[in-house]
């Protein structure tokens, strides 16, 4: 009976060593395939026979791209809101000017005419100028985000290509 147990232990040890050797050979000759298989199996980090493996580069690039895409969408939404606000400000200023002209024409020299022709506080043009500056910066920021997404895609392609 003791001989049988020793034989089974020996066989298990040989199979274990053989599997470790097979995994090391696969890691050396087809690392991308092993990497994809391990990631699909849910592993993100490992230490096999003294070789350390980590699958975070690809995942980080994908997460960064998702966050950058979301940020670009937010910038687009804010740009649309800013444009809408700027249009509303322009319309409001034009309506104020039209009303001021009518009040000045119908009641010249009256306190109402003086109030109507007074400069708006804060000046609409200043707000429009600030909004234009913000819009230019957000467009530049969006372009920067798009460039970072492209760089991440290039990095991801390089990582995938190097692993194959």
Protein backbone atom coordinates (compact mmCIF):
# COMPACT_ATOMS: atom_id res chain seq x y z
CA UNK A 1 0.00 0.00 0.00
CA UNK A 2 2.86 2.38 0.82
CA UNK A 3 4.37 1.75 -2.58
CA UNK A 4 1.07 2.65 -4.29
CA UNK A 5 0.84 5.95 -2.40
CA UNK A 6 4.44 6.79 -3.26
CA UNK A 7 3.77 5.97 -6.92
CA UNK A 8 0.65 8.21 -6.99
CA UNK A 9 2.61 11.05 -5.34
CA UNK A 10 5.36 10.63 -7.91
CA UNK A 11 2.88 10.65 -10.81
CA UNK A 12 1.12 13.77 -9.45
CA UNK A 13 4.50 15.51 -9.06
CA UNK A 14 5.53 14.60 -12.62
CA UNK A 15 2.18 15.81 -14.03
CA UNK A 16 2.46 19.06 -12.04
CA UNK A 17 6.01 19.69 -13.25
CA UNK A 18 4.97 18.82 -16.80
CA UNK A 19 2.07 21.32 -16.67
CA UNK A 20 4.32 24.06 -15.32
CA UNK A 21 6.85 23.35 -18.08
CA UNK A 22 4.08 23.37 -20.70
CA UNK A 23 2.76 26.71 -19.42
CA UNK A 24 6.26 28.21 -19.49
CA UNK A 25 6.78 27.00 -23.06
CA UNK A 26 3.41 28.44 -24.08
CA UNK A 27 4.29 31.73 -22.40
CA UNK A 28 7.53 31.89 -24.35
CA UNK A 29 6.12 30.99 -27.77
CA UNK A 30 2.51 32.24 -27.76
CA UNK A 31 2.23 34.81 -24.97
CA UNK A 32 -0.69 36.73 -26.52
CA UNK A 33 -2.81 33.59 -26.70
CA UNK A 34 -1.99 32.69 -23.10
CA UNK A 35 -2.64 36.30 -22.06
CA UNK A 36 -6.08 36.36 -23.71
CA UNK A 37 -6.95 32.98 -22.24
CA UNK A 38 -5.95 34.06 -18.75
CA UNK A 39 -7.86 37.34 -19.04
CA UNK A 40 -10.99 35.52 -20.30
CA UNK A 41 -10.63 33.15 -17.34
CA UNK A 42 -10.67 36.16 -15.02
CA UNK A 43 -7.00 36.32 -14.06
CA UNK A 44 -5.35 39.74 -14.04
CA UNK A 45 -2.07 38.87 -12.32
CA UNK A 46 0.01 35.78 -11.80
CA UNK A 47 3.37 34.33 -10.83
CA UNK A 48 4.16 31.17 -12.77
CA UNK A 49 7.52 29.53 -12.23
CA UNK A 50 9.15 32.80 -11.23
CA UNK A 51 7.63 34.72 -14.17
CA UNK A 52 5.35 37.55 -13.10
CA UNK A 53 2.45 38.39 -15.37
CA UNK A 54 0.02 41.30 -15.27
CA UNK A 55 -2.86 42.13 -17.62
CA UNK A 56 -3.45 45.71 -16.55
CA UNK A 57 -2.01 47.59 -19.53
CA UNK A 58 -4.75 46.53 -21.91
CA UNK A 59 -7.48 46.98 -19.30
CA UNK A 60 -6.16 50.41 -18.26
CA UNK A 61 -6.07 51.59 -21.87
CA UNK A 62 -9.65 50.43 -22.42
CA UNK A 63 -10.79 52.10 -19.18
CA UNK A 64 -8.96 55.31 -20.08
CA UNK A 65 -10.54 55.34 -23.53
CA UNK A 66 -13.99 54.87 -21.99
CA UNK A 67 -13.39 57.74 -19.57
CA UNK A 68 -11.97 59.99 -22.29
CA UNK A 69 -14.92 59.22 -24.56
CA UNK A 70 -17.31 60.05 -21.73
CA UNK A 71 -15.44 63.31 -21.06
CA UNK A 72 -15.61 64.20 -24.77
CA UNK A 73 -19.36 63.55 -24.75
CA UNK A 74 -19.73 65.77 -21.67
CA UNK A 75 -17.75 68.53 -23.40
CA UNK A 76 -20.01 68.22 -26.46
CA UNK A 77 -23.08 68.52 -24.26
CA UNK A 78 -21.66 71.54 -22.45
CA UNK A 79 -20.72 73.16 -25.77
CA UNK A 80 -24.31 72.76 -26.97
CA UNK A 81 -25.63 74.23 -23.72
CA UNK A 82 -23.15 77.11 -23.96
CA UNK A 83 -24.16 77.82 -27.55
CA UNK A 84 -27.84 77.77 -26.53
CA UNK A 85 -27.12 80.13 -23.65
CA UNK A 86 -25.13 82.46 -25.89
CA UNK A 87 -27.97 82.53 -28.42
CA UNK A 88 -30.45 83.30 -25.63
CA UNK A 89 -28.19 86.12 -24.37
CA UNK A 90 -27.94 87.59 -27.87
CA UNK A 91 -31.72 87.38 -28.30
CA UNK A 92 -32.24 88.97 -24.88
CA UNK A 93 -29.84 91.81 -25.67
CA UNK A 94 -31.49 92.41 -29.04
CA UNK A 95 -34.93 92.48 -27.39
CA UNK A 96 -33.62 94.92 -24.73
CA UNK A 97 -32.23 97.20 -27.43
CA UNK A 98 -35.49 97.08 -29.40
CA UNK A 99 -37.51 97.90 -26.27
CA UNK A 100 -35.11 100.70 -25.33
CA UNK A 101 -35.48 102.21 -28.80
CA UNK A 102 -39.29 102.06 -28.56
CA UNK A 103 -39.34 103.57 -25.05
CA UNK A 104 -36.92 106.34 -26.09
CA UNK A 105 -39.04 107.06 -29.17
CA UNK A 106 -42.37 107.15 -27.33
CA UNK A 107 -41.19 108.82 -24.09
CA UNK A 108 -38.04 110.83 -24.84
CA UNK A 109 -36.27 112.33 -21.81
CA UNK A 110 -38.36 110.41 -19.27
CA UNK A 111 -36.88 108.34 -16.44
CA UNK A 112 -38.14 105.20 -18.20
CA UNK A 113 -36.19 106.15 -21.35
CA UNK A 114 -33.04 106.79 -19.31
CA UNK A 115 -33.39 103.42 -17.58
CA UNK A 116 -34.06 101.63 -20.87
CA UNK A 117 -30.99 103.10 -22.53
CA UNK A 118 -28.67 102.45 -19.55
CA UNK A 119 -25.99 99.80 -19.99
CA UNK A 120 -27.01 96.36 -18.78
CA UNK A 121 -25.15 95.03 -15.74
CA UNK A 122 -23.06 93.02 -16.38
CA UNK A 123 -22.67 93.96 -20.02
CA UNK A 124 -24.00 91.23 -22.30
CA UNK A 125 -20.98 91.58 -24.57
CA UNK A 126 -18.69 90.72 -21.67
CA UNK A 127 -20.68 87.57 -20.93
CA UNK A 128 -20.67 86.60 -24.61
CA UNK A 129 -16.90 87.17 -24.76
CA UNK A 130 -16.38 84.99 -21.68
CA UNK A 131 -18.62 82.29 -23.16
CA UNK A 132 -16.68 82.39 -26.43
CA UNK A 133 -13.44 81.96 -24.49
CA UNK A 134 -14.88 78.99 -22.59
CA UNK A 135 -16.15 77.49 -25.84
CA UNK A 136 -12.72 77.81 -27.50
CA UNK A 137 -11.07 76.18 -24.48
CA UNK A 138 -13.58 73.33 -24.45
CA UNK A 139 -13.04 72.71 -28.17
CA UNK A 140 -9.28 72.63 -27.57
CA UNK A 141 -9.85 70.27 -24.61
CA UNK A 142 -12.00 67.99 -26.74
CA UNK A 143 -9.34 67.86 -29.45
CA UNK A 144 -6.78 67.01 -26.76
CA UNK A 145 -9.03 64.20 -25.50
CA UNK A 146 -9.42 62.85 -29.03
CA UNK A 147 -5.64 62.85 -29.46
CA UNK A 148 -5.24 60.98 -26.16
CA UNK A 149 -7.83 58.41 -27.26
CA UNK A 150 -5.89 57.88 -30.51
CA UNK A 151 -2.64 57.55 -28.55
CA UNK A 152 -4.27 54.99 -26.26
CA UNK A 153 -5.60 53.06 -29.25
CA UNK A 154 -2.10 53.06 -30.76
CA UNK A 155 -0.66 51.85 -27.45
CA UNK A 156 -3.29 49.12 -27.24
CA UNK A 157 -2.56 48.01 -30.81
CA UNK A 158 1.18 47.98 -30.02
CA UNK A 159 0.60 45.91 -26.90
CA UNK A 160 -1.60 43.47 -28.81
CA UNK A 161 0.86 43.28 -31.71
CA UNK A 162 3.87 42.78 -29.41
CA UNK A 163 2.02 40.02 -27.62
CA UNK A 164 1.33 38.08 -30.81
